[in-house]
Amino acid sequence: VSNDGRINGGLNLSRAIGDHSYKQNKELGDKEQMITALPDVKTLTVNPETDQFMVLACDGIWNFMSSQDVCDFILPRIAEG
């Protein structure tokens, strides 16, 4: 893992399917490979009185959009129904 959290300078998230070249070390178990399908999990409490929505996305979206950009994209679509 590089300083920016990427695997071999490329991938930056766990993968369940594909990317076999990162999972071929025969001396390691499934969970010990460079990448795994075992996700990082974070629990958040949503308050329906104050929270309009929650965004579930891979980290790649934040390379291109700010939190405000995402809200500006989502809010009109919620309003449209």
C-alpha atoms as a PDB file:
ATOM      1  CA  VAL A   1       0.000   0.000   0.000  1.00  0.00           C
ATOM      2  CA  SER A   2       1.413   3.383  -1.001  1.00  0.00           C
ATOM      3  CA  ASN A   3       1.310   6.588   1.065  1.00  0.00           C
ATOM      4  CA  ASP A   4      -1.941   7.653  -0.601  1.00  0.00           C
ATOM      5  CA  GLY A   5      -3.632   4.374   0.381  1.00  0.00           C
ATOM      6  CA  ARG A   6      -3.516   2.802  -3.081  1.00  0.00           C
ATOM      7  CA  ILE A   7      -2.522  -0.790  -3.848  1.00  0.00           C
ATOM      8  CA  ASN A   8       0.594  -0.788  -6.070  1.00  0.00           C
ATOM      9  CA  GLY A   9      -0.185   2.836  -6.962  1.00  0.00           C
ATOM     10  CA  GLY A  10      -3.465   1.864  -8.645  1.00  0.00           C
ATOM     11  CA  LEU A  11      -6.441   0.447  -6.784  1.00  0.00           C
ATOM     12  CA  ASN A  12      -7.805   2.226  -3.744  1.00  0.00           C
ATOM     13  CA  LEU A  13     -10.678   0.001  -2.636  1.00  0.00           C
ATOM     14  CA  SER A  14     -11.478  -3.624  -1.912  1.00  0.00           C
ATOM     15  CA  ARG A  15     -12.760  -5.686  -4.813  1.00  0.00           C
ATOM     16  CA  ALA A  16     -14.955  -8.759  -4.618  1.00  0.00           C
ATOM     17  CA  ILE A  17     -14.759  -9.733  -8.287  1.00  0.00           C
ATOM     18  CA  GLY A  18     -11.913  -9.365 -10.729  1.00  0.00           C
ATOM     19  CA  ASP A  19      -8.441  -7.904 -10.270  1.00  0.00           C
ATOM     20  CA  HIS A  20      -7.045 -11.430 -10.025  1.00  0.00           C
ATOM     21  CA  SER A  21      -3.452 -10.235 -10.343  1.00  0.00           C
ATOM     22  CA  TYR A  22      -3.748  -8.761  -6.838  1.00  0.00           C
ATOM     23  CA  LYS A  23      -5.020 -12.071  -5.368  1.00  0.00           C
ATOM     24  CA  GLN A  24      -2.511 -14.654  -6.582  1.00  0.00           C
ATOM     25  CA  ASN A  25      -0.129 -15.112  -3.638  1.00  0.00           C
ATOM     26  CA  LYS A  26      -0.564 -18.827  -2.954  1.00  0.00           C
ATOM     27  CA  GLU A  27       1.168 -18.475   0.432  1.00  0.00           C
ATOM     28  CA  LEU A  28      -1.602 -16.186   1.703  1.00  0.00           C
ATOM     29  CA  GLY A  29      -5.227 -16.877   2.523  1.00  0.00           C
ATOM     30  CA  ASP A  30      -8.163 -15.076   0.922  1.00  0.00           C
ATOM     31  CA  LYS A  31      -8.254 -12.357   3.592  1.00  0.00           C
ATOM     32  CA  GLU A  32      -4.480 -11.814   3.485  1.00  0.00           C
ATOM     33  CA  GLN A  33      -4.149 -11.005  -0.230  1.00  0.00           C
ATOM     34  CA  MET A  34      -3.309  -7.466  -1.421  1.00  0.00           C
ATOM     35  CA  ILE A  35      -7.032  -6.838  -1.884  1.00  0.00           C
ATOM     36  CA  THR A  36     -10.057  -8.570  -0.442  1.00  0.00           C
ATOM     37  CA  ALA A  37     -13.817  -8.470  -0.640  1.00  0.00           C
ATOM     38  CA  LEU A  38     -13.923  -7.884   3.131  1.00  0.00           C
ATOM     39  CA  PRO A  39     -15.258  -4.305   3.398  1.00  0.00           C
ATOM     40  CA  ASP A  40     -14.497  -1.531   5.867  1.00  0.00           C
ATOM     41  CA  VAL A  41     -17.749  -0.779   7.675  1.00  0.00           C
ATOM     42  CA  LYS A  42     -18.731   2.474   9.353  1.00  0.00           C
ATOM     43  CA  THR A  43     -22.006   2.877  11.237  1.00  0.00           C
ATOM     44  CA  LEU A  44     -23.807   6.225  11.164  1.00  0.00           C
ATOM     45  CA  THR A  45     -27.033   7.304  12.797  1.00  0.00           C
ATOM     46  CA  VAL A  46     -29.513   8.983  10.461  1.00  0.00           C
ATOM     47  CA  ASN A  47     -32.008  11.435  11.929  1.00  0.00           C
ATOM     48  CA  PRO A  48     -35.122  11.631   9.728  1.00  0.00           C
ATOM     49  CA  GLU A  49     -35.947  15.029  11.270  1.00  0.00           C
ATOM     50  CA  THR A  50     -32.753  16.663   9.995  1.00  0.00           C
ATOM     51  CA  ASP A  51     -31.137  14.356   7.419  1.00  0.00           C
ATOM     52  CA  GLN A  52     -32.550  14.414   3.894  1.00  0.00           C
ATOM     53  CA  PHE A  53     -30.371  11.650   2.459  1.00  0.00           C
ATOM     54  CA  MET A  54     -27.153   9.701   2.847  1.00  0.00           C
ATOM     55  CA  VAL A  55     -24.643   9.193   0.051  1.00  0.00           C
ATOM     56  CA  LEU A  56     -23.119   5.725  -0.259  1.00  0.00           C
ATOM     57  CA  ALA A  57     -20.277   5.877  -2.756  1.00  0.00           C
ATOM     58  CA  CYS A  58     -16.793   4.597  -3.357  1.00  0.00           C
ATOM     59  CA  ASP A  59     -13.980   6.998  -2.671  1.00  0.00           C
ATOM     60  CA  GLY A  60     -13.509   7.686  -6.386  1.00  0.00           C
ATOM     61  CA  ILE A  61     -16.413  10.131  -6.459  1.00  0.00           C
ATOM     62  CA  TRP A  62     -14.556  12.462  -4.092  1.00  0.00           C
ATOM     63  CA  ASN A  63     -11.691  12.687  -6.583  1.00  0.00           C
ATOM     64  CA  PHE A  64     -14.073  14.545  -8.912  1.00  0.00           C
ATOM     65  CA  MET A  65     -16.812  16.090  -6.784  1.00  0.00           C
ATOM     66  CA  SER A  66     -16.914  17.971  -3.492  1.00  0.00           C
ATOM     67  CA  SER A  67     -19.538  17.202  -0.851  1.00  0.00           C
ATOM     68  CA  GLN A  68     -21.397  20.310  -2.004  1.00  0.00           C
ATOM     69  CA  ASP A  69     -21.230  19.189  -5.660  1.00  0.00           C
ATOM     70  CA  VAL A  70     -22.807  15.868  -4.680  1.00  0.00           C
ATOM     71  CA  CYS A  71     -25.561  17.622  -2.714  1.00  0.00           C
ATOM     72  CA  ASP A  72     -26.197  19.994  -5.625  1.00  0.00           C
ATOM     73  CA  PHE A  73     -26.552  16.967  -7.897  1.00  0.00           C
ATOM     74  CA  ILE A  74     -28.839  14.976  -5.581  1.00  0.00           C
ATOM     75  CA  LEU A  75     -31.197  17.601  -4.126  1.00  0.00           C
ATOM     76  CA  PRO A  76     -32.954  18.588  -7.390  1.00  0.00           C
ATOM     77  CA  ARG A  77     -33.507  14.915  -8.185  1.00  0.00           C
ATOM     78  CA  ILE A  78     -35.098  14.325  -4.789  1.00  0.00           C
ATOM     79  CA  ALA A  79     -37.337  17.341  -5.391  1.00  0.00           C
ATOM     80  CA  GLU A  80     -38.388  15.898  -8.776  1.00  0.00           C
ATOM     81  CA  GLY A  81     -39.451  12.692  -7.035  1.00  0.00           C
END
